[in-house]
Amino acid sequence: MIKCQTCFNGETCKKALQSRFKYMPEVKIYQFLGVVIILMSIFIFILARGNGHDNSYILTFGFIGLTFLFYPRFLVYNGMRRIKISPFYGKEISWEITDSLSASAEGFNSSTKLEMHYQVFFTKDGILIYPEKDLFHWLPREGFQDEESFMQAKALIASKIDKSKLKIMGKGAGKSEMQKDKSAAKV
């Protein structure tokens, strides 16, 4: 059994939301579209300069581009606003990882088999576990007792979950470390 414990506070939640939205493909597409729209509006502004036409539509395109570009920040802000009204905000949450993931907090207990989860992301800052598409558990790296228990948790989860549901995201997420610690999952 591997344990992870953290406080459900602003810093932890912000890191969880940033990790969640950082690897969503639709968010990357919105950011790309934002850059393209901003560049197009600058290009159109340069071409239309001095021809006497109303250029207010260029400002509109620029604003839309900025909105798309900063879409992930809006998602994090909106998520933080919703999290702060949660009854669990500011409370300790602990997880136990065996063949299942058990989460508990004051007035809350949940346990699901690891194989039943929708998707799992390993990031350099922690582990995102989705029991459902829009619900996730954030197990921060610093919530584990030490680095070894964090690596054991990753190896155990990787051994129990279908490989198509597992994503290793970003530098430091541990692809090479996962290879070395496959034996840790058998402990």
N, C-alpha and C. Protein backbone atom coordinates (compact mmCIF):
# COMPACT_ATOMS: atom_id res chain seq x y z
N MET A 1 0.85 -1.17 0.00
CA MET A 1 0.00 0.00 0.00
C MET A 1 0.90 1.24 0.00
N ILE A 2 0.59 2.16 -0.89
CA ILE A 2 1.32 3.41 -1.02
C ILE A 2 0.37 4.54 -0.64
N LYS A 3 0.86 5.48 0.15
CA LYS A 3 0.02 6.58 0.61
C LYS A 3 0.49 7.91 0.05
N CYS A 4 -0.49 8.77 -0.19
CA CYS A 4 -0.24 10.14 -0.61
C CYS A 4 -1.20 11.01 0.19
N GLN A 5 -0.70 12.12 0.71
CA GLN A 5 -1.54 13.00 1.51
C GLN A 5 -1.22 14.44 1.18
N THR A 6 -2.26 15.25 1.04
CA THR A 6 -2.06 16.67 0.75
C THR A 6 -3.25 17.46 1.27
N CYS A 7 -3.06 18.76 1.35
CA CYS A 7 -4.13 19.66 1.74
C CYS A 7 -4.79 20.18 0.46
N PHE A 8 -6.10 20.16 0.44
CA PHE A 8 -6.88 20.62 -0.71
C PHE A 8 -6.95 22.15 -0.62
N ASN A 9 -5.82 22.82 -0.95
CA ASN A 9 -5.76 24.27 -0.85
C ASN A 9 -5.52 24.90 -2.23
N GLY A 10 -5.39 26.21 -2.26
CA GLY A 10 -5.26 26.93 -3.52
C GLY A 10 -4.05 26.53 -4.35
N GLU A 11 -2.90 26.40 -3.70
CA GLU A 11 -1.68 26.07 -4.44
C GLU A 11 -1.75 24.68 -5.06
N THR A 12 -2.19 23.71 -4.28
CA THR A 12 -2.31 22.33 -4.78
C THR A 12 -3.32 22.25 -5.91
N CYS A 13 -4.46 22.90 -5.73
CA CYS A 13 -5.52 22.85 -6.74
C CYS A 13 -5.11 23.56 -8.02
N LYS A 14 -4.40 24.67 -7.89
CA LYS A 14 -3.96 25.40 -9.08
C LYS A 14 -2.99 24.55 -9.89
N LYS A 15 -2.06 23.87 -9.21
CA LYS A 15 -1.11 23.01 -9.91
C LYS A 15 -1.84 21.85 -10.59
N ALA A 16 -2.85 21.31 -9.92
CA ALA A 16 -3.64 20.22 -10.51
C ALA A 16 -4.36 20.69 -11.77
N LEU A 17 -5.01 21.84 -11.69
CA LEU A 17 -5.74 22.36 -12.85
C LEU A 17 -4.80 22.72 -13.99
N GLN A 18 -3.65 23.31 -13.67
CA GLN A 18 -2.69 23.64 -14.72
C GLN A 18 -2.19 22.37 -15.41
N SER A 19 -1.93 21.33 -14.63
CA SER A 19 -1.50 20.06 -15.22
C SER A 19 -2.61 19.45 -16.06
N ARG A 20 -3.84 19.56 -15.58
CA ARG A 20 -4.97 18.99 -16.31
C ARG A 20 -5.14 19.65 -17.68
N PHE A 21 -5.13 20.97 -17.71
CA PHE A 21 -5.41 21.67 -18.97
C PHE A 21 -4.19 21.75 -19.88
N LYS A 22 -3.01 21.60 -19.32
CA LYS A 22 -1.80 21.69 -20.13
C LYS A 22 -1.73 20.60 -21.20
N TYR A 23 -2.29 19.44 -20.92
CA TYR A 23 -2.16 18.31 -21.83
C TYR A 23 -3.44 17.98 -22.58
N MET A 24 -4.43 18.87 -22.52
CA MET A 24 -5.65 18.64 -23.28
C MET A 24 -5.45 19.16 -24.71
N PRO A 25 -5.65 18.30 -25.73
CA PRO A 25 -5.38 18.73 -27.11
C PRO A 25 -6.23 19.91 -27.56
N GLU A 26 -7.49 19.99 -27.12
CA GLU A 26 -8.34 21.09 -27.56
C GLU A 26 -7.84 22.43 -27.03
N VAL A 27 -7.20 22.42 -25.85
CA VAL A 27 -6.64 23.66 -25.31
C VAL A 27 -5.46 24.11 -26.17
N LYS A 28 -4.63 23.18 -26.60
CA LYS A 28 -3.51 23.51 -27.48
C LYS A 28 -4.01 24.09 -28.80
N ILE A 29 -5.11 23.53 -29.32
CA ILE A 29 -5.69 24.02 -30.57
C ILE A 29 -6.18 25.46 -30.39
N TYR A 30 -6.87 25.74 -29.26
CA TYR A 30 -7.34 27.10 -29.00
C TYR A 30 -6.18 28.08 -28.92
N GLN A 31 -5.10 27.68 -28.25
CA GLN A 31 -3.95 28.57 -28.16
C GLN A 31 -3.34 28.82 -29.54
N PHE A 32 -3.23 27.78 -30.34
CA PHE A 32 -2.71 27.93 -31.70
C PHE A 32 -3.60 28.87 -32.52
N LEU A 33 -4.91 28.67 -32.44
CA LEU A 33 -5.84 29.55 -33.15
C LEU A 33 -5.70 30.99 -32.67
N GLY A 34 -5.50 31.18 -31.37
CA GLY A 34 -5.31 32.52 -30.83
C GLY A 34 -4.13 33.21 -31.45
N VAL A 35 -3.00 32.51 -31.56
CA VAL A 35 -1.80 33.08 -32.17
C VAL A 35 -2.05 33.41 -33.63
N VAL A 36 -2.70 32.49 -34.36
CA VAL A 36 -2.99 32.71 -35.78
C VAL A 36 -3.90 33.93 -35.96
N ILE A 37 -4.93 34.04 -35.16
CA ILE A 37 -5.87 35.17 -35.28
C ILE A 37 -5.18 36.49 -34.96
N ILE A 38 -4.34 36.50 -33.94
CA ILE A 38 -3.61 37.73 -33.59
C ILE A 38 -2.67 38.13 -34.74
N LEU A 39 -1.95 37.16 -35.29
CA LEU A 39 -1.05 37.46 -36.41
C LEU A 39 -1.83 37.95 -37.63
N MET A 40 -2.99 37.34 -37.89
CA MET A 40 -3.82 37.79 -39.01
C MET A 40 -4.31 39.22 -38.79
N SER A 41 -4.72 39.53 -37.57
CA SER A 41 -5.23 40.88 -37.31
C SER A 41 -4.11 41.92 -37.45
N ILE A 42 -2.91 41.58 -37.03
CA ILE A 42 -1.77 42.49 -37.21
C ILE A 42 -1.47 42.68 -38.69
N PHE A 43 -1.49 41.58 -39.44
CA PHE A 43 -1.24 41.64 -40.89
C PHE A 43 -2.31 42.48 -41.59
N ILE A 44 -3.57 42.27 -41.25
CA ILE A 44 -4.66 43.03 -41.85
C ILE A 44 -4.55 44.51 -41.48
N PHE A 45 -4.19 44.79 -40.25
CA PHE A 45 -4.02 46.17 -39.81
C PHE A 45 -2.95 46.88 -40.63
N ILE A 46 -1.84 46.19 -40.85
CA ILE A 46 -0.74 46.77 -41.64
C ILE A 46 -1.20 47.02 -43.08
N LEU A 47 -1.92 46.06 -43.67
CA LEU A 47 -2.39 46.22 -45.05
C LEU A 47 -3.47 47.29 -45.17
N ALA A 48 -4.34 47.39 -44.17
CA ALA A 48 -5.48 48.31 -44.26
C ALA A 48 -5.15 49.72 -43.77
N ARG A 49 -3.97 49.93 -43.28
CA ARG A 49 -3.58 51.22 -42.72
C ARG A 49 -3.68 52.32 -43.79
N GLY A 50 -4.35 53.36 -43.45
CA GLY A 50 -4.41 54.54 -44.32
C GLY A 50 -5.36 54.45 -45.49
N ASN A 51 -6.24 53.46 -45.57
CA ASN A 51 -7.15 53.38 -46.71
C ASN A 51 -8.52 53.98 -46.39
N GLY A 52 -8.70 54.50 -45.18
CA GLY A 52 -9.95 55.18 -44.84
C GLY A 52 -11.07 54.27 -44.40
N HIS A 53 -10.87 52.98 -44.34
CA HIS A 53 -11.92 52.06 -43.87
C HIS A 53 -11.97 52.01 -42.35
N ASP A 54 -13.12 51.60 -41.85
CA ASP A 54 -13.28 51.41 -40.41
C ASP A 54 -12.50 50.15 -40.00
N ASN A 55 -11.56 50.30 -39.10
CA ASN A 55 -10.71 49.19 -38.68
C ASN A 55 -11.13 48.57 -37.35
N SER A 56 -12.34 48.81 -36.91
CA SER A 56 -12.78 48.28 -35.60
C SER A 56 -12.86 46.75 -35.61
N TYR A 57 -13.10 46.16 -36.76
CA TYR A 57 -13.16 44.70 -36.83
C TYR A 57 -11.80 44.07 -36.53
N ILE A 58 -10.72 44.81 -36.81
CA ILE A 58 -9.38 44.31 -36.52
C ILE A 58 -9.20 44.17 -35.01
N LEU A 59 -9.69 45.16 -34.26
CA LEU A 59 -9.64 45.08 -32.80
C LEU A 59 -10.46 43.90 -32.29
N THR A 60 -11.59 43.65 -32.93
CA THR A 60 -12.43 42.52 -32.53
C THR A 60 -11.69 41.21 -32.75
N PHE A 61 -11.06 41.06 -33.90
CA PHE A 61 -10.27 39.85 -34.16
C PHE A 61 -9.12 39.72 -33.17
N GLY A 62 -8.47 40.82 -32.87
CA GLY A 62 -7.38 40.79 -31.89
C GLY A 62 -7.85 40.35 -30.53
N PHE A 63 -9.01 40.85 -30.11
CA PHE A 63 -9.58 40.46 -28.82
C PHE A 63 -9.94 38.98 -28.81
N ILE A 64 -10.52 38.50 -29.90
CA ILE A 64 -10.86 37.06 -30.00
C ILE A 64 -9.58 36.22 -29.93
N GLY A 65 -8.54 36.67 -30.62
CA GLY A 65 -7.26 35.96 -30.58
C GLY A 65 -6.68 35.90 -29.18
N LEU A 66 -6.73 37.03 -28.45
CA LEU A 66 -6.24 37.04 -27.07
C LEU A 66 -7.06 36.12 -26.18
N THR A 67 -8.38 36.09 -26.41
CA THR A 67 -9.24 35.20 -25.63
C THR A 67 -8.84 33.75 -25.86
N PHE A 68 -8.63 33.36 -27.08
CA PHE A 68 -8.22 31.99 -27.39
C PHE A 68 -6.83 31.70 -26.80
N LEU A 69 -5.93 32.66 -26.91
CA LEU A 69 -4.57 32.47 -26.42
C LEU A 69 -4.54 32.25 -24.90
N PHE A 70 -5.36 32.99 -24.17
CA PHE A 70 -5.37 32.89 -22.72
C PHE A 70 -6.47 31.96 -22.20
N TYR A 71 -7.02 31.14 -23.06
CA TYR A 71 -8.07 30.20 -22.67
C TYR A 71 -7.67 29.29 -21.52
N PRO A 72 -6.44 28.71 -21.49
CA PRO A 72 -6.08 27.86 -20.36
C PRO A 72 -6.08 28.61 -19.03
N ARG A 73 -5.66 29.86 -19.03
CA ARG A 73 -5.68 30.64 -17.79
C ARG A 73 -7.12 30.87 -17.33
N PHE A 74 -8.02 31.09 -18.27
CA PHE A 74 -9.42 31.26 -17.92
C PHE A 74 -9.96 29.97 -17.30
N LEU A 75 -9.59 28.82 -17.87
CA LEU A 75 -10.06 27.54 -17.33
C LEU A 75 -9.55 27.32 -15.90
N VAL A 76 -8.29 27.66 -15.66
CA VAL A 76 -7.72 27.52 -14.32
C VAL A 76 -8.43 28.47 -13.35
N TYR A 77 -8.64 29.71 -13.77
CA TYR A 77 -9.33 30.69 -12.92
C TYR A 77 -10.74 30.21 -12.58
N ASN A 78 -11.46 29.76 -13.59
CA ASN A 78 -12.83 29.29 -13.39
C ASN A 78 -12.85 28.05 -12.48
N GLY A 79 -11.91 27.13 -12.71
CA GLY A 79 -11.82 25.94 -11.86
C GLY A 79 -11.50 26.29 -10.43
N MET A 80 -10.58 27.24 -10.21
CA MET A 80 -10.24 27.66 -8.85
C MET A 80 -11.44 28.30 -8.15
N ARG A 81 -12.20 29.06 -8.90
CA ARG A 81 -13.39 29.69 -8.32
C ARG A 81 -14.38 28.64 -7.83
N ARG A 82 -14.55 27.58 -8.62
CA ARG A 82 -15.47 26.51 -8.22
C ARG A 82 -14.92 25.68 -7.07
N ILE A 83 -13.60 25.45 -7.08
CA ILE A 83 -12.98 24.65 -6.02
C ILE A 83 -13.06 25.36 -4.68
N LYS A 84 -12.92 26.68 -4.67
CA LYS A 84 -12.92 27.42 -3.41
C LYS A 84 -14.26 27.35 -2.68
N ILE A 85 -15.34 27.04 -3.38
CA ILE A 85 -16.63 26.91 -2.71
C ILE A 85 -16.93 25.47 -2.31
N SER A 86 -15.99 24.56 -2.62
CA SER A 86 -16.16 23.16 -2.26
C SER A 86 -16.07 22.98 -0.74
N PRO A 87 -16.86 22.08 -0.18
CA PRO A 87 -16.77 21.84 1.27
C PRO A 87 -15.44 21.19 1.67
N PHE A 88 -14.68 20.66 0.73
CA PHE A 88 -13.40 20.02 1.04
C PHE A 88 -12.22 20.97 0.94
N TYR A 89 -12.48 22.20 0.52
CA TYR A 89 -11.39 23.17 0.37
C TYR A 89 -10.75 23.44 1.73
N GLY A 90 -9.42 23.35 1.78
CA GLY A 90 -8.68 23.57 3.02
C GLY A 90 -8.56 22.34 3.90
N LYS A 91 -9.12 21.22 3.48
CA LYS A 91 -9.08 19.98 4.27
C LYS A 91 -7.99 19.06 3.74
N GLU A 92 -7.53 18.17 4.62
CA GLU A 92 -6.56 17.15 4.24
C GLU A 92 -7.26 16.04 3.45
N ILE A 93 -6.63 15.61 2.37
CA ILE A 93 -7.11 14.47 1.58
C ILE A 93 -5.99 13.46 1.54
N SER A 94 -6.34 12.19 1.70
CA SER A 94 -5.32 11.15 1.60
C SER A 94 -5.79 10.08 0.63
N TRP A 95 -4.84 9.50 -0.06
CA TRP A 95 -5.09 8.43 -1.01
C TRP A 95 -4.26 7.23 -0.62
N GLU A 96 -4.81 6.06 -0.82
CA GLU A 96 -4.08 4.81 -0.65
C GLU A 96 -4.15 4.06 -1.97
N ILE A 97 -2.99 3.64 -2.44
CA ILE A 97 -2.93 2.96 -3.73
C ILE A 97 -2.53 1.51 -3.49
N THR A 98 -3.43 0.60 -3.85
CA THR A 98 -3.16 -0.84 -3.85
C THR A 98 -3.63 -1.32 -5.21
N ASP A 99 -4.51 -2.30 -5.23
CA ASP A 99 -5.17 -2.68 -6.48
C ASP A 99 -6.25 -1.67 -6.84
N SER A 100 -6.55 -0.80 -5.89
CA SER A 100 -7.55 0.23 -6.10
C SER A 100 -7.01 1.56 -5.59
N LEU A 101 -7.70 2.62 -5.92
CA LEU A 101 -7.37 3.95 -5.43
C LEU A 101 -8.44 4.33 -4.42
N SER A 102 -8.03 4.51 -3.18
CA SER A 102 -8.95 4.91 -2.13
C SER A 102 -8.64 6.33 -1.73
N ALA A 103 -9.65 7.19 -1.80
CA ALA A 103 -9.50 8.59 -1.41
C ALA A 103 -10.37 8.83 -0.19
N SER A 104 -9.83 9.60 0.75
CA SER A 104 -10.63 9.91 1.94
C SER A 104 -10.31 11.30 2.45
N ALA A 105 -11.33 11.94 2.97
CA ALA A 105 -11.22 13.25 3.59
C ALA A 105 -12.32 13.31 4.64
N GLU A 106 -12.39 14.41 5.34
CA GLU A 106 -13.42 14.57 6.36
C GLU A 106 -14.81 14.48 5.72
N GLY A 107 -15.56 13.43 6.04
CA GLY A 107 -16.90 13.25 5.50
C GLY A 107 -16.95 12.66 4.10
N PHE A 108 -15.86 12.05 3.63
CA PHE A 108 -15.81 11.57 2.26
C PHE A 108 -14.90 10.35 2.18
N ASN A 109 -15.38 9.29 1.56
CA ASN A 109 -14.58 8.09 1.27
C ASN A 109 -14.96 7.59 -0.10
N SER A 110 -13.95 7.17 -0.86
CA SER A 110 -14.20 6.65 -2.20
C SER A 110 -13.13 5.61 -2.51
N SER A 111 -13.52 4.56 -3.19
CA SER A 111 -12.56 3.54 -3.59
C SER A 111 -12.98 2.97 -4.94
N THR A 112 -12.05 2.94 -5.88
CA THR A 112 -12.32 2.35 -7.19
C THR A 112 -11.10 1.54 -7.63
N LYS A 113 -11.36 0.47 -8.32
CA LYS A 113 -10.28 -0.35 -8.86
C LYS A 113 -9.50 0.47 -9.88
N LEU A 114 -8.19 0.27 -9.90
CA LEU A 114 -7.36 1.03 -10.83
C LEU A 114 -7.73 0.75 -12.28
N GLU A 115 -8.10 -0.49 -12.58
CA GLU A 115 -8.44 -0.85 -13.96
C GLU A 115 -9.67 -0.11 -14.47
N MET A 116 -10.50 0.38 -13.56
CA MET A 116 -11.77 1.00 -13.93
C MET A 116 -11.65 2.49 -14.27
N HIS A 117 -10.49 3.06 -14.11
CA HIS A 117 -10.35 4.49 -14.34
C HIS A 117 -10.34 4.83 -15.83
N TYR A 118 -10.86 5.99 -16.12
CA TYR A 118 -11.01 6.47 -17.49
C TYR A 118 -9.65 6.76 -18.14
N GLN A 119 -8.76 7.45 -17.40
CA GLN A 119 -7.46 7.83 -17.94
C GLN A 119 -6.53 8.23 -16.81
N VAL A 120 -5.22 8.06 -17.03
CA VAL A 120 -4.20 8.44 -16.05
C VAL A 120 -3.09 9.21 -16.78
N PHE A 121 -2.69 10.34 -16.19
CA PHE A 121 -1.58 11.14 -16.71
C PHE A 121 -0.48 11.16 -15.67
N PHE A 122 0.73 10.82 -16.08
CA PHE A 122 1.91 11.00 -15.23
C PHE A 122 2.58 12.29 -15.68
N THR A 123 2.72 13.23 -14.78
CA THR A 123 3.41 14.48 -15.08
C THR A 123 4.59 14.60 -14.13
N LYS A 124 5.44 15.57 -14.36
CA LYS A 124 6.60 15.75 -13.48
C LYS A 124 6.18 16.21 -12.10
N ASP A 125 5.01 16.83 -11.98
CA ASP A 125 4.55 17.36 -10.69
C ASP A 125 3.66 16.40 -9.91
N GLY A 126 3.16 15.35 -10.56
CA GLY A 126 2.29 14.42 -9.87
C GLY A 126 1.56 13.50 -10.81
N ILE A 127 0.49 12.92 -10.30
CA ILE A 127 -0.30 11.95 -11.07
C ILE A 127 -1.74 12.44 -11.12
N LEU A 128 -2.28 12.56 -12.33
CA LEU A 128 -3.69 12.88 -12.54
C LEU A 128 -4.42 11.59 -12.85
N ILE A 129 -5.41 11.26 -12.04
CA ILE A 129 -6.17 10.03 -12.25
C ILE A 129 -7.62 10.42 -12.47
N TYR A 130 -8.15 10.02 -13.63
CA TYR A 130 -9.54 10.33 -13.99
C TYR A 130 -10.42 9.10 -13.78
N PRO A 131 -11.26 9.08 -12.73
CA PRO A 131 -12.23 7.99 -12.63
C PRO A 131 -13.33 8.13 -13.70
N GLU A 132 -13.62 9.38 -14.07
CA GLU A 132 -14.57 9.71 -15.12
C GLU A 132 -13.94 10.79 -15.98
N LYS A 133 -14.59 11.12 -17.08
CA LYS A 133 -14.00 12.09 -18.01
C LYS A 133 -13.77 13.47 -17.39
N ASP A 134 -14.69 13.97 -16.59
CA ASP A 134 -14.59 15.32 -16.05
C ASP A 134 -14.28 15.38 -14.56
N LEU A 135 -13.93 14.27 -13.96
CA LEU A 135 -13.60 14.21 -12.54
C LEU A 135 -12.20 13.65 -12.41
N PHE A 136 -11.36 14.28 -11.59
CA PHE A 136 -10.00 13.78 -11.48
C PHE A 136 -9.49 13.85 -10.05
N HIS A 137 -8.54 12.99 -9.75
CA HIS A 137 -7.79 13.02 -8.50
C HIS A 137 -6.40 13.53 -8.84
N TRP A 138 -5.88 14.42 -8.01
CA TRP A 138 -4.53 14.94 -8.19
C TRP A 138 -3.68 14.43 -7.03
N LEU A 139 -2.70 13.61 -7.35
CA LEU A 139 -1.77 13.10 -6.36
C LEU A 139 -0.44 13.81 -6.58
N PRO A 140 -0.18 14.91 -5.84
CA PRO A 140 1.03 15.68 -6.08
C PRO A 140 2.28 14.92 -5.63
N ARG A 141 3.34 15.13 -6.34
CA ARG A 141 4.62 14.47 -6.05
C ARG A 141 5.03 14.71 -4.59
N GLU A 142 4.85 15.93 -4.11
CA GLU A 142 5.26 16.25 -2.74
C GLU A 142 4.34 15.64 -1.68
N GLY A 143 3.21 15.07 -2.09
CA GLY A 143 2.30 14.43 -1.15
C GLY A 143 2.75 13.04 -0.73
N PHE A 144 3.68 12.46 -1.46
CA PHE A 144 4.20 11.13 -1.12
C PHE A 144 5.30 11.28 -0.08
N GLN A 145 5.55 10.19 0.66
CA GLN A 145 6.56 10.23 1.72
C GLN A 145 7.93 10.61 1.17
N ASP A 146 8.29 10.00 0.04
CA ASP A 146 9.59 10.27 -0.57
C ASP A 146 9.50 9.97 -2.06
N GLU A 147 10.58 10.22 -2.76
CA GLU A 147 10.62 10.02 -4.21
C GLU A 147 10.41 8.55 -4.58
N GLU A 148 10.91 7.66 -3.74
CA GLU A 148 10.78 6.23 -4.02
C GLU A 148 9.32 5.79 -3.98
N SER A 149 8.55 6.28 -3.01
CA SER A 149 7.13 5.90 -2.95
C SER A 149 6.36 6.49 -4.13
N PHE A 150 6.76 7.68 -4.59
CA PHE A 150 6.14 8.27 -5.78
C PHE A 150 6.39 7.39 -7.00
N MET A 151 7.64 6.93 -7.16
CA MET A 151 7.97 6.07 -8.29
C MET A 151 7.28 4.70 -8.18
N GLN A 152 7.14 4.19 -6.97
CA GLN A 152 6.42 2.92 -6.76
C GLN A 152 4.95 3.08 -7.13
N ALA A 153 4.37 4.22 -6.77
CA ALA A 153 2.96 4.48 -7.11
C ALA A 153 2.78 4.51 -8.62
N LYS A 154 3.68 5.19 -9.31
CA LYS A 154 3.59 5.25 -10.77
C LYS A 154 3.72 3.86 -11.39
N ALA A 155 4.67 3.08 -10.88
CA ALA A 155 4.87 1.74 -11.41
C ALA A 155 3.67 0.84 -11.13
N LEU A 156 3.10 0.95 -9.95
CA LEU A 156 1.93 0.14 -9.59
C LEU A 156 0.74 0.51 -10.47
N ILE A 157 0.50 1.79 -10.63
CA ILE A 157 -0.62 2.24 -11.47
C ILE A 157 -0.41 1.81 -12.91
N ALA A 158 0.82 1.96 -13.41
CA ALA A 158 1.12 1.57 -14.79
C ALA A 158 0.92 0.06 -15.00
N SER A 159 1.18 -0.73 -13.98
CA SER A 159 1.03 -2.18 -14.12
C SER A 159 -0.44 -2.62 -14.08
N LYS A 160 -1.31 -1.80 -13.48
CA LYS A 160 -2.72 -2.18 -13.31
C LYS A 160 -3.65 -1.60 -14.37
N ILE A 161 -3.25 -0.52 -15.00
CA ILE A 161 -4.16 0.16 -15.93
C ILE A 161 -3.83 -0.22 -17.37
N ASP A 162 -4.86 -0.24 -18.21
CA ASP A 162 -4.69 -0.52 -19.63
C ASP A 162 -3.76 0.54 -20.24
N LYS A 163 -2.80 0.11 -21.01
CA LYS A 163 -1.78 1.02 -21.57
C LYS A 163 -2.39 2.11 -22.45
N SER A 164 -3.54 1.86 -23.05
CA SER A 164 -4.16 2.88 -23.89
C SER A 164 -4.72 4.03 -23.04
N LYS A 165 -4.92 3.81 -21.75
CA LYS A 165 -5.45 4.84 -20.85
C LYS A 165 -4.35 5.61 -20.14
N LEU A 166 -3.11 5.20 -20.30
CA LEU A 166 -1.99 5.79 -19.59
C LEU A 166 -1.22 6.75 -20.49
N LYS A 167 -0.99 7.97 -20.00
CA LYS A 167 -0.23 8.97 -20.74
C LYS A 167 0.91 9.48 -19.85
N ILE A 168 2.11 9.50 -20.41
CA ILE A 168 3.27 10.06 -19.71
C ILE A 168 3.58 11.38 -20.39
N MET A 169 3.38 12.48 -19.66
CA MET A 169 3.40 13.80 -20.26
C MET A 169 4.54 14.66 -19.75
N GLY A 170 5.28 15.26 -20.66
CA GLY A 170 6.28 16.27 -20.34
C GLY A 170 7.60 15.70 -19.85
N LYS A 171 8.60 16.55 -19.85
CA LYS A 171 9.92 16.18 -19.35
C LYS A 171 9.84 15.96 -17.85
N GLY A 172 10.56 14.97 -17.38
CA GLY A 172 10.58 14.69 -15.95
C GLY A 172 9.40 13.87 -15.49
N ALA A 173 8.52 13.46 -16.43
CA ALA A 173 7.38 12.64 -16.04
C ALA A 173 7.80 11.21 -15.79
N GLY A 174 8.98 10.82 -16.28
CA GLY A 174 9.55 9.56 -15.86
C GLY A 174 9.45 8.38 -16.77
N LYS A 175 9.52 8.54 -18.09
CA LYS A 175 9.50 7.37 -18.97
C LYS A 175 10.67 6.45 -18.65
N SER A 176 11.88 7.00 -18.57
CA SER A 176 13.05 6.19 -18.30
C SER A 176 13.02 5.67 -16.86
N GLU A 177 12.52 6.48 -15.94
CA GLU A 177 12.41 6.04 -14.55
C GLU A 177 11.40 4.92 -14.42
N MET A 178 10.34 4.98 -15.23
CA MET A 178 9.31 3.93 -15.20
C MET A 178 9.91 2.60 -15.60
N GLN A 179 10.81 2.60 -16.56
CA GLN A 179 11.45 1.36 -17.00
C GLN A 179 12.23 0.74 -15.85
N LYS A 180 12.97 1.59 -15.09
CA LYS A 180 13.79 1.08 -14.00
C LYS A 180 12.93 0.57 -12.84
N ASP A 181 11.78 1.19 -12.61
CA ASP A 181 10.99 0.85 -11.42
C ASP A 181 9.84 -0.10 -11.69
N LYS A 182 9.86 -0.83 -12.79
CA LYS A 182 8.81 -1.82 -13.05
C LYS A 182 8.78 -2.86 -11.94
N SER A 183 9.95 -3.18 -11.40
CA SER A 183 10.01 -4.16 -10.32
C SER A 183 9.38 -3.65 -9.04
N ALA A 184 9.32 -2.33 -8.86
CA ALA A 184 8.74 -1.75 -7.65
C ALA A 184 7.25 -2.04 -7.54
N ALA A 185 6.58 -2.25 -8.65
CA ALA A 185 5.14 -2.52 -8.64
C ALA A 185 4.83 -3.87 -8.05
N LYS A 186 5.78 -4.76 -8.02
CA LYS A 186 5.53 -6.09 -7.50
C LYS A 186 5.66 -6.15 -5.99
N VAL A 187 6.08 -5.05 -5.37
CA VAL A 187 6.27 -5.02 -3.91
C VAL A 187 4.95 -5.07 -3.20
